[in-house]
N, C-alpha and C. Protein backbone atom coordinates (compact mmCIF):
# COMPACT_ATOMS: atom_id res chain seq x y z
N SER A 1 0.81 -1.09 0.06
CA SER A 1 0.02 -0.03 -0.03
C SER A 1 0.89 1.22 -0.05
N LEU A 2 0.21 2.45 -0.35
CA LEU A 2 1.00 3.70 -0.51
C LEU A 2 0.36 4.71 0.40
N PHE A 3 1.09 5.34 1.04
CA PHE A 3 0.67 6.41 2.08
C PHE A 3 1.23 7.80 1.39
N SER A 4 0.50 8.83 1.39
CA SER A 4 1.03 9.94 0.86
C SER A 4 0.84 11.06 2.01
N ALA A 5 1.82 12.00 2.08
CA ALA A 5 1.81 12.98 3.11
C ALA A 5 2.24 14.36 2.50
N LEU A 6 1.54 15.33 3.05
CA LEU A 6 2.11 16.60 2.53
C LEU A 6 3.13 17.15 3.79
N VAL A 7 4.33 17.31 3.37
CA VAL A 7 5.25 17.66 4.28
C VAL A 7 5.62 19.25 4.07
N PHE A 8 5.39 19.99 4.99
CA PHE A 8 5.53 21.40 5.06
C PHE A 8 7.06 21.74 5.31
N LEU A 9 7.74 22.54 4.66
CA LEU A 9 8.96 22.88 4.91
C LEU A 9 9.22 24.38 5.12
N PRO A 10 10.44 24.73 5.74
CA PRO A 10 10.56 26.15 5.89
C PRO A 10 10.53 26.90 4.70
N GLY A 11 10.08 28.08 4.72
CA GLY A 11 9.96 29.10 3.49
C GLY A 11 8.52 28.80 2.97
N ALA A 12 7.42 28.38 3.66
CA ALA A 12 6.14 28.36 3.36
C ALA A 12 5.83 27.60 2.16
N PHE A 13 6.54 26.48 1.94
CA PHE A 13 6.07 25.66 0.68
C PHE A 13 6.14 24.01 1.34
N ALA A 14 5.36 23.23 0.44
CA ALA A 14 5.15 21.92 0.86
C ALA A 14 5.62 21.09 -0.20
N ILE A 15 5.82 19.69 0.07
CA ILE A 15 6.21 18.77 -1.16
C ILE A 15 5.32 17.46 -0.64
N LEU A 16 5.02 16.75 -1.67
CA LEU A 16 4.27 15.66 -1.38
C LEU A 16 5.25 14.33 -1.31
N VAL A 17 5.00 13.58 -0.22
CA VAL A 17 5.92 12.63 0.05
C VAL A 17 5.13 11.10 -0.01
N ASN A 18 5.54 10.33 -0.68
CA ASN A 18 4.91 8.93 -0.78
C ASN A 18 5.68 8.06 0.10
N ILE A 19 4.93 7.45 1.09
CA ILE A 19 5.53 6.35 1.84
C ILE A 19 5.01 5.11 1.68
N SER A 20 5.58 4.10 1.13
CA SER A 20 5.06 2.74 0.64
C SER A 20 5.38 1.70 1.59
N ASN A 21 4.39 0.78 1.75
CA ASN A 21 4.73 -0.39 2.49
C ASN A 21 5.16 -1.73 1.51
N ILE A 22 5.13 -1.30 0.35
CA ILE A 22 5.72 -2.34 -0.61
C ILE A 22 7.15 -2.08 -0.99
N ASP A 23 7.47 -0.83 -1.34
CA ASP A 23 8.93 -0.68 -1.88
C ASP A 23 9.79 -0.46 -0.67
N TYR A 24 11.17 -0.74 -0.92
CA TYR A 24 12.03 -0.57 0.13
C TYR A 24 12.21 0.83 0.54
N ARG A 25 12.58 1.25 1.78
CA ARG A 25 12.90 2.46 2.06
C ARG A 25 14.37 2.56 2.00
N ARG A 26 14.85 3.75 1.34
CA ARG A 26 16.27 3.90 1.07
C ARG A 26 16.87 5.11 1.73
N ASN A 27 18.21 4.99 2.11
CA ASN A 27 18.96 6.06 2.68
C ASN A 27 19.51 7.01 1.63
N THR A 28 20.30 7.86 2.07
CA THR A 28 20.84 8.95 1.03
C THR A 28 21.94 8.44 0.14
N THR A 29 22.36 7.08 0.26
CA THR A 29 23.31 6.49 -0.46
C THR A 29 22.48 5.51 -1.49
N GLY A 30 21.35 5.45 -1.38
CA GLY A 30 20.52 4.52 -2.05
C GLY A 30 20.32 3.03 -1.55
N ASP A 31 21.00 2.71 -0.50
CA ASP A 31 21.01 1.53 0.23
C ASP A 31 19.59 1.32 0.85
N ILE A 32 19.19 0.06 0.92
CA ILE A 32 17.87 -0.27 1.76
C ILE A 32 18.18 -0.14 3.08
N MET A 33 17.33 0.74 3.86
CA MET A 33 17.55 0.89 5.29
C MET A 33 17.06 -0.28 6.16
N ASP A 34 17.90 -0.64 7.05
CA ASP A 34 17.66 -1.69 8.10
C ASP A 34 16.92 -1.06 9.09
N ALA A 35 15.68 -0.60 8.98
CA ALA A 35 14.91 0.24 9.86
C ALA A 35 13.41 -0.34 9.81
N HIS A 36 13.00 -0.69 10.88
CA HIS A 36 11.69 -1.41 11.11
C HIS A 36 11.04 -1.03 12.34
N ASP A 37 9.85 -1.35 12.61
CA ASP A 37 9.07 -1.28 13.83
C ASP A 37 9.25 -0.07 14.57
N GLY A 38 9.42 1.21 13.94
CA GLY A 38 9.76 2.39 14.62
C GLY A 38 8.64 3.43 14.89
N SER A 39 9.00 4.46 14.98
CA SER A 39 8.15 5.81 15.10
C SER A 39 8.88 7.03 14.64
N TYR A 40 8.01 7.84 13.92
CA TYR A 40 8.40 9.19 13.39
C TYR A 40 8.16 10.24 14.24
N ASN A 41 9.06 11.27 14.49
CA ASN A 41 8.83 12.37 15.16
C ASN A 41 9.58 13.73 14.52
N ARG A 42 8.80 14.66 14.78
CA ARG A 42 9.40 16.09 14.34
C ARG A 42 9.23 17.00 15.45
N TRP A 43 10.25 17.24 16.20
CA TRP A 43 10.33 17.76 17.37
C TRP A 43 10.01 19.33 17.30
N THR A 44 10.32 19.97 16.32
CA THR A 44 10.04 21.32 16.03
C THR A 44 9.26 21.61 14.84
N PRO A 45 8.53 22.58 14.70
CA PRO A 45 7.65 22.78 13.48
C PRO A 45 8.47 22.80 12.09
N ASP A 46 9.70 23.48 12.26
CA ASP A 46 10.54 23.55 10.97
C ASP A 46 11.76 22.64 11.06
N GLY A 47 11.77 21.81 12.02
CA GLY A 47 13.00 21.14 12.17
C GLY A 47 12.84 19.68 11.31
N PRO A 48 13.84 18.89 11.35
CA PRO A 48 14.04 17.63 10.68
C PRO A 48 13.13 16.66 11.26
N TRP A 49 12.87 15.60 10.42
CA TRP A 49 12.22 14.35 10.80
C TRP A 49 13.24 13.30 11.54
N TYR A 50 12.72 12.62 12.45
CA TYR A 50 13.54 11.56 13.05
C TYR A 50 12.80 10.32 12.93
N TYR A 51 13.45 9.37 12.48
CA TYR A 51 12.87 7.98 12.57
C TYR A 51 13.64 7.02 13.59
N TYR A 52 13.00 6.63 14.61
CA TYR A 52 13.62 5.82 15.52
C TYR A 52 13.26 4.35 15.16
N ALA A 53 14.11 3.47 14.77
CA ALA A 53 13.69 2.26 14.21
C ALA A 53 14.57 1.02 14.62
N MET A 54 14.08 -0.08 14.58
CA MET A 54 14.71 -1.30 14.91
C MET A 54 15.61 -1.83 13.73
N GLY A 55 16.77 -2.22 13.95
CA GLY A 55 17.55 -2.82 12.88
C GLY A 55 17.65 -4.27 13.33
N TYR A 56 17.60 -5.16 12.41
CA TYR A 56 17.59 -6.63 12.71
C TYR A 56 18.70 -7.31 11.67
N GLY A 57 19.54 -6.49 11.05
CA GLY A 57 20.51 -7.14 10.23
C GLY A 57 19.92 -7.74 8.84
N THR A 58 21.07 -8.02 8.04
CA THR A 58 20.49 -8.75 6.78
C THR A 58 20.50 -10.27 6.88
N CYS A 59 19.29 -10.67 6.70
CA CYS A 59 19.03 -12.19 6.90
C CYS A 59 18.23 -12.80 5.72
N MET A 60 18.43 -14.00 5.54
CA MET A 60 17.76 -14.79 4.73
C MET A 60 16.40 -15.27 5.30
N GLN A 61 15.34 -15.33 4.64
CA GLN A 61 14.02 -15.79 5.14
C GLN A 61 14.13 -17.28 5.49
N GLY A 62 13.29 -17.61 6.52
CA GLY A 62 13.22 -19.18 6.78
C GLY A 62 13.40 -19.48 8.14
N GLY A 63 13.51 -18.65 9.10
CA GLY A 63 13.73 -18.85 10.45
C GLY A 63 13.70 -17.54 11.24
N ASP A 64 13.29 -17.80 12.54
CA ASP A 64 13.26 -16.51 13.29
C ASP A 64 14.40 -16.17 14.18
N LYS A 65 15.48 -17.11 14.02
CA LYS A 65 16.68 -16.75 14.81
C LYS A 65 17.75 -17.20 13.79
N CYS A 66 18.82 -16.36 13.70
CA CYS A 66 20.00 -16.85 12.93
C CYS A 66 21.38 -15.91 13.49
N HIS A 67 22.36 -16.21 13.12
CA HIS A 67 23.52 -15.65 13.67
C HIS A 67 23.82 -14.21 13.33
N GLY A 68 23.67 -13.29 14.13
CA GLY A 68 24.01 -11.93 13.87
C GLY A 68 22.89 -11.11 13.15
N CYS A 69 21.75 -11.75 13.13
CA CYS A 69 20.52 -11.05 12.35
C CYS A 69 19.21 -11.64 12.75
N GLY A 70 18.21 -10.85 12.32
CA GLY A 70 16.89 -11.41 12.57
C GLY A 70 16.31 -11.18 13.91
N TYR A 71 15.25 -11.83 14.25
CA TYR A 71 14.64 -11.84 15.65
C TYR A 71 15.63 -12.49 16.47
N GLY A 72 15.98 -11.91 17.62
CA GLY A 72 17.10 -12.35 18.51
C GLY A 72 18.20 -11.44 18.56
N TYR A 73 18.34 -10.70 17.42
CA TYR A 73 19.44 -9.71 17.28
C TYR A 73 18.82 -8.39 17.01
N SER A 74 19.03 -7.39 17.57
CA SER A 74 18.46 -6.08 17.22
C SER A 74 19.35 -4.82 17.82
N TRP A 75 19.22 -3.82 17.14
CA TRP A 75 19.78 -2.43 17.45
C TRP A 75 18.78 -1.39 17.15
N ILE A 76 18.96 -0.37 17.75
CA ILE A 76 18.02 0.76 17.62
C ILE A 76 18.66 1.87 16.85
N GLY A 77 18.22 2.14 15.61
CA GLY A 77 18.78 3.20 14.72
C GLY A 77 18.16 4.66 14.99
N VAL A 78 18.82 5.70 14.93
CA VAL A 78 18.29 7.06 14.86
C VAL A 78 18.55 7.55 13.43
N TRP A 79 17.58 7.76 12.76
CA TRP A 79 17.53 8.23 11.28
C TRP A 79 16.96 9.76 11.24
N LYS A 80 17.51 10.36 10.25
CA LYS A 80 17.18 11.89 10.23
C LYS A 80 17.03 12.24 8.68
N SER A 81 15.94 13.08 8.50
CA SER A 81 15.59 13.63 7.07
C SER A 81 14.96 14.80 7.16
N ASP A 82 15.28 15.86 6.19
CA ASP A 82 14.62 16.97 6.20
C ASP A 82 13.10 16.89 5.79
N THR A 83 12.76 15.90 4.77
CA THR A 83 11.65 15.66 4.09
C THR A 83 10.79 14.49 4.30
N MET A 84 11.41 13.60 4.81
CA MET A 84 10.80 12.19 4.92
C MET A 84 10.81 11.37 3.62
N ALA A 85 11.20 12.08 2.71
CA ALA A 85 11.08 11.42 1.31
C ALA A 85 12.12 10.24 1.15
N ASN A 86 11.77 9.13 0.29
CA ASN A 86 12.63 8.07 0.21
C ASN A 86 13.98 8.49 -0.38
N GLY A 87 15.15 7.98 0.12
CA GLY A 87 16.41 8.50 -0.33
C GLY A 87 16.98 9.70 0.33
N THR A 88 16.17 10.19 1.28
CA THR A 88 16.90 11.25 2.17
C THR A 88 17.14 11.08 3.56
N TRP A 89 17.13 9.79 3.91
CA TRP A 89 17.41 9.41 5.33
C TRP A 89 18.87 9.21 5.68
N THR A 90 19.43 9.67 6.65
CA THR A 90 20.86 9.54 7.03
C THR A 90 20.60 8.80 8.41
N LEU A 91 21.54 7.65 8.58
CA LEU A 91 21.57 6.96 9.85
C LEU A 91 22.68 7.78 10.68
N LEU A 92 22.17 8.27 11.88
CA LEU A 92 22.99 9.04 12.83
C LEU A 92 23.72 8.17 13.71
N ARG A 93 23.16 7.07 14.24
CA ARG A 93 23.67 6.18 15.39
C ARG A 93 23.04 5.16 15.75
N ASP A 94 23.50 4.27 16.51
CA ASP A 94 22.71 3.42 17.33
C ASP A 94 22.19 4.27 18.46
N ALA A 95 20.95 4.21 18.86
CA ALA A 95 20.41 5.11 19.97
C ALA A 95 20.94 4.96 21.31
N ARG A 96 21.31 3.66 21.58
CA ARG A 96 21.76 3.32 22.86
C ARG A 96 23.18 3.57 23.17
N ASP A 97 23.49 4.08 24.53
CA ASP A 97 24.85 4.08 24.69
C ASP A 97 25.39 2.77 25.30
N ASP A 98 26.39 2.62 25.93
CA ASP A 98 26.93 1.30 26.50
C ASP A 98 26.31 0.94 27.88
N THR A 99 25.32 1.72 28.30
CA THR A 99 24.68 1.32 29.47
C THR A 99 23.50 0.26 29.38
N TRP A 100 23.12 -0.05 28.29
CA TRP A 100 22.02 -0.83 28.00
C TRP A 100 22.25 -2.25 28.15
N PRO A 101 21.23 -3.03 28.78
CA PRO A 101 21.40 -4.46 29.01
C PRO A 101 21.39 -5.19 27.76
N LYS A 102 22.06 -6.32 27.71
CA LYS A 102 21.86 -7.10 26.49
C LYS A 102 20.56 -7.87 26.45
N ALA A 103 19.85 -7.65 25.54
CA ALA A 103 18.46 -8.24 25.32
C ALA A 103 18.09 -8.24 23.82
N THR A 104 16.89 -8.92 23.60
CA THR A 104 16.23 -8.56 22.30
C THR A 104 15.31 -7.52 22.17
N TYR A 105 15.46 -6.39 21.65
CA TYR A 105 14.58 -5.39 21.54
C TYR A 105 13.74 -5.33 20.32
N PHE A 106 12.55 -4.69 20.43
CA PHE A 106 11.77 -4.46 19.37
C PHE A 106 10.83 -3.35 19.59
N ARG A 107 10.13 -2.74 18.57
CA ARG A 107 9.08 -1.74 18.45
C ARG A 107 9.55 -0.41 19.56
N VAL A 108 10.22 0.34 18.94
CA VAL A 108 10.68 1.47 19.76
C VAL A 108 9.81 2.79 19.53
N HIS A 109 9.67 3.51 20.62
CA HIS A 109 9.04 4.87 20.60
C HIS A 109 9.93 5.89 21.36
N VAL A 110 9.94 7.09 20.93
CA VAL A 110 10.51 8.18 21.68
C VAL A 110 9.40 9.29 21.75
N VAL A 111 9.51 9.82 22.94
CA VAL A 111 8.60 11.02 23.35
C VAL A 111 9.51 12.06 24.00
N TYR A 112 8.88 13.24 24.10
CA TYR A 112 9.54 14.34 24.68
C TYR A 112 8.95 14.70 26.06
N ASN A 113 9.76 14.78 27.18
CA ASN A 113 9.06 15.15 28.59
C ASN A 113 9.41 16.54 28.60
N LYS A 114 8.49 17.46 28.55
CA LYS A 114 8.57 18.92 28.69
C LYS A 114 9.02 19.30 30.19
N ASN A 115 8.58 18.58 31.04
CA ASN A 115 8.84 18.89 32.37
C ASN A 115 10.43 18.66 32.75
N THR A 116 11.04 17.54 32.30
CA THR A 116 12.30 17.15 32.53
C THR A 116 13.26 17.73 31.31
N ARG A 117 12.74 18.14 30.33
CA ARG A 117 13.33 18.33 28.92
C ARG A 117 14.36 17.23 28.48
N LEU A 118 13.90 16.09 28.58
CA LEU A 118 14.45 15.03 28.25
C LEU A 118 13.66 14.16 27.19
N TYR A 119 14.29 13.55 26.19
CA TYR A 119 13.83 12.66 25.20
C TYR A 119 13.75 11.26 25.92
N VAL A 120 12.65 10.63 25.84
CA VAL A 120 12.49 9.39 26.53
C VAL A 120 12.23 8.23 25.55
N LEU A 121 13.24 7.25 25.45
CA LEU A 121 13.06 6.15 24.55
C LEU A 121 12.41 4.98 25.42
N TRP A 122 11.43 4.46 24.67
CA TRP A 122 10.78 3.11 25.27
C TRP A 122 11.01 2.00 24.31
N VAL A 123 11.27 0.88 24.66
CA VAL A 123 11.43 -0.26 23.70
C VAL A 123 10.95 -1.55 24.41
N ASN A 124 10.34 -2.37 23.49
CA ASN A 124 10.00 -3.74 24.08
C ASN A 124 11.05 -4.52 24.27
N LEU A 125 10.96 -5.41 25.21
CA LEU A 125 11.96 -6.37 25.57
C LEU A 125 11.40 -7.86 25.35
N ASN A 126 12.19 -8.66 24.91
CA ASN A 126 11.73 -10.21 24.78
C ASN A 126 12.30 -10.93 25.92
N GLY A 127 11.43 -11.19 26.88
CA GLY A 127 11.68 -11.93 28.13
C GLY A 127 12.64 -10.93 29.07
N GLY A 128 13.18 -11.64 30.14
CA GLY A 128 14.04 -10.87 31.00
C GLY A 128 13.23 -10.25 32.26
N LYS A 129 13.85 -9.10 32.67
CA LYS A 129 13.16 -8.59 33.86
C LYS A 129 11.87 -7.98 33.75
N ALA A 130 11.56 -7.39 32.59
CA ALA A 130 10.33 -6.65 32.48
C ALA A 130 9.98 -6.64 30.88
N ASP A 131 8.85 -6.01 30.74
CA ASP A 131 8.40 -5.87 29.39
C ASP A 131 8.98 -4.88 28.48
N TYR A 132 9.49 -3.77 29.19
CA TYR A 132 10.07 -2.64 28.53
C TYR A 132 11.30 -2.09 29.17
N ALA A 133 12.19 -1.58 28.23
CA ALA A 133 13.37 -0.84 28.85
C ALA A 133 13.24 0.66 28.48
N VAL A 134 13.65 1.54 29.32
CA VAL A 134 13.50 2.87 29.13
C VAL A 134 14.84 3.64 29.17
N GLY A 135 15.11 4.64 28.35
CA GLY A 135 16.31 5.43 28.44
C GLY A 135 15.98 6.89 28.16
N THR A 136 17.12 7.81 28.48
CA THR A 136 16.79 9.07 28.22
C THR A 136 17.84 9.73 27.56
N SER A 137 17.68 10.98 26.95
CA SER A 137 18.82 11.76 26.31
C SER A 137 18.37 13.23 26.30
N ARG A 138 19.30 14.10 26.50
CA ARG A 138 19.03 15.60 26.34
C ARG A 138 18.86 15.88 24.85
N GLU A 139 19.30 15.02 23.88
CA GLU A 139 19.17 15.45 22.49
C GLU A 139 18.34 14.46 21.79
N PRO A 140 17.59 14.79 20.69
CA PRO A 140 16.69 13.94 20.10
C PRO A 140 17.63 12.81 19.23
N GLU A 141 18.89 13.21 19.02
CA GLU A 141 19.75 12.20 18.27
C GLU A 141 20.43 11.21 19.17
N GLY A 142 20.18 11.35 20.46
CA GLY A 142 20.91 10.39 21.49
C GLY A 142 22.32 10.78 21.57
N PRO A 143 23.17 9.98 22.27
CA PRO A 143 22.65 8.53 22.65
C PRO A 143 21.67 8.60 23.92
N PHE A 144 20.92 7.54 24.01
CA PHE A 144 20.03 7.41 25.20
C PHE A 144 20.66 6.55 26.07
N LYS A 145 20.65 6.94 27.40
CA LYS A 145 21.26 6.37 28.53
C LYS A 145 20.17 5.35 29.17
N PHE A 146 20.46 4.17 29.39
CA PHE A 146 19.57 3.28 30.02
C PHE A 146 19.25 3.91 31.48
N VAL A 147 17.93 3.84 31.74
CA VAL A 147 17.35 4.40 33.05
C VAL A 147 16.73 3.32 33.91
N THR A 148 15.74 2.54 33.39
CA THR A 148 15.15 1.52 34.09
C THR A 148 14.40 0.44 33.23
N TYR A 149 13.96 -0.64 33.86
CA TYR A 149 13.08 -1.62 33.21
C TYR A 149 11.58 -1.10 33.64
N ALA A 150 10.71 -1.35 32.88
CA ALA A 150 9.29 -0.95 33.16
C ALA A 150 8.43 -2.20 32.90
N ALA A 151 7.88 -2.67 34.18
CA ALA A 151 6.79 -3.83 34.03
C ALA A 151 5.48 -3.30 33.95
N THR A 152 4.52 -4.20 33.39
CA THR A 152 3.29 -3.82 33.21
C THR A 152 2.43 -4.55 34.09
N GLY A 153 1.10 -4.16 34.17
CA GLY A 153 0.14 -4.89 35.07
C GLY A 153 -0.02 -6.36 34.66
N ARG A 154 -0.03 -6.40 33.19
CA ARG A 154 -0.15 -7.89 32.75
C ARG A 154 1.11 -8.19 31.96
N ARG A 155 1.85 -9.29 32.38
CA ARG A 155 3.06 -9.74 31.83
C ARG A 155 2.99 -9.95 30.38
N GLY A 156 3.94 -10.00 29.55
CA GLY A 156 4.04 -10.20 28.14
C GLY A 156 3.48 -8.95 27.25
N GLY A 157 3.85 -7.83 27.59
CA GLY A 157 3.51 -6.52 26.95
C GLY A 157 4.06 -6.65 25.55
N GLY A 158 3.30 -6.34 24.65
CA GLY A 158 3.60 -6.39 23.14
C GLY A 158 3.59 -5.08 22.56
N ASP A 159 3.04 -4.98 21.40
CA ASP A 159 3.01 -3.71 20.72
C ASP A 159 2.25 -2.65 21.55
N PHE A 160 2.83 -1.41 21.41
CA PHE A 160 2.56 -0.30 22.38
C PHE A 160 2.68 1.03 21.66
N ASP A 161 2.10 2.00 22.56
CA ASP A 161 2.41 3.38 22.08
C ASP A 161 2.42 4.09 23.33
N ILE A 162 2.82 5.56 23.34
CA ILE A 162 2.80 6.30 24.40
C ILE A 162 1.97 7.47 24.18
N PHE A 163 1.11 7.74 24.99
CA PHE A 163 0.05 8.92 24.81
C PHE A 163 0.46 9.81 25.96
N ILE A 164 0.62 11.10 25.41
CA ILE A 164 0.96 12.23 26.33
C ILE A 164 -0.21 13.25 26.49
N ASP A 165 -0.74 13.29 27.68
CA ASP A 165 -1.73 14.22 27.96
C ASP A 165 -1.57 15.57 27.92
N GLU A 166 -2.32 16.55 27.21
CA GLU A 166 -1.97 17.84 27.38
C GLU A 166 -2.36 18.75 28.61
N ASP A 167 -2.38 17.84 29.74
CA ASP A 167 -2.84 18.50 31.11
C ASP A 167 -1.42 19.18 31.47
N ALA A 168 -1.61 19.88 32.62
CA ALA A 168 -0.45 20.70 33.07
C ALA A 168 0.72 19.84 33.54
N ALA A 169 0.39 18.67 33.96
CA ALA A 169 1.62 17.76 34.40
C ALA A 169 2.11 17.07 33.21
N ALA A 170 1.48 17.08 31.97
CA ALA A 170 2.01 16.36 30.84
C ALA A 170 1.96 14.86 31.00
N THR A 171 0.84 14.32 31.76
CA THR A 171 0.88 12.99 32.08
C THR A 171 1.05 12.03 30.86
N ALA A 172 1.93 10.98 31.07
CA ALA A 172 2.06 10.11 30.02
C ALA A 172 1.55 8.73 30.45
N TYR A 173 0.95 8.09 29.14
CA TYR A 173 0.47 6.84 29.48
C TYR A 173 0.75 5.72 28.43
N LEU A 174 1.32 4.65 28.97
CA LEU A 174 1.55 3.50 28.09
C LEU A 174 0.42 2.63 27.69
N ILE A 175 0.11 2.47 26.47
CA ILE A 175 -0.93 1.79 25.86
C ILE A 175 -0.45 0.39 25.25
N TYR A 176 -0.73 -0.79 25.61
CA TYR A 176 -0.18 -1.90 25.17
C TYR A 176 -1.05 -3.01 25.04
N THR A 177 -0.59 -3.96 24.19
CA THR A 177 -1.27 -5.31 24.01
C THR A 177 -0.42 -6.20 25.07
N SER A 178 -1.18 -7.26 25.48
CA SER A 178 -0.47 -8.33 26.33
C SER A 178 -0.88 -9.68 25.83
N LEU A 179 0.24 -10.51 25.94
CA LEU A 179 -0.01 -11.95 25.43
C LEU A 179 -0.69 -12.52 26.50
N ALA A 180 -0.62 -12.08 27.84
CA ALA A 180 -1.59 -12.46 28.92
C ALA A 180 -3.07 -12.21 28.87
N ALA A 181 -3.28 -11.35 28.14
CA ALA A 181 -4.61 -10.97 27.84
C ALA A 181 -5.21 -11.25 26.60
N GLY A 182 -4.46 -12.08 25.82
CA GLY A 182 -4.81 -12.53 24.40
C GLY A 182 -4.73 -11.37 23.41
N HIS A 183 -3.97 -10.58 23.61
CA HIS A 183 -3.62 -9.40 22.86
C HIS A 183 -4.80 -8.44 22.65
């Protein structure tokens, strides 16, 4: 499928950007991006777009675990683009610094906490101490320092999003599916 978005750029003009679920997403060198299960953010109205996404390595289909790639291996990429258009994305870094525990990560989200002025990264964990790991950074580009594990009321937290209320406290809510609740 194809999704089109009107992206407004500084200088009061806009471009049409097509985002496809069929075609590969490519970086500025034309290579296919190892970027999946992520979230897009634009932190300022005229600023660049950020895509925080999982990298799973290059694997052949046919199994859910293999050496150095696929499910069981993951890293978190911070990508940046001025327009979101295919071929304009630059990989900045692995979002994590060296404080993160060894784990299988998937489905990353980043939000901004206006009270602490920190960018907060949430990511699913597969097994281990809790359902999610949380890190913070002063900059949207990271690196994000590991802060804590986050357990949920029902174990087996899966796909999720973070909702930030516009109340004075900017209360944040974790909305998730759970294996324990049958998704």
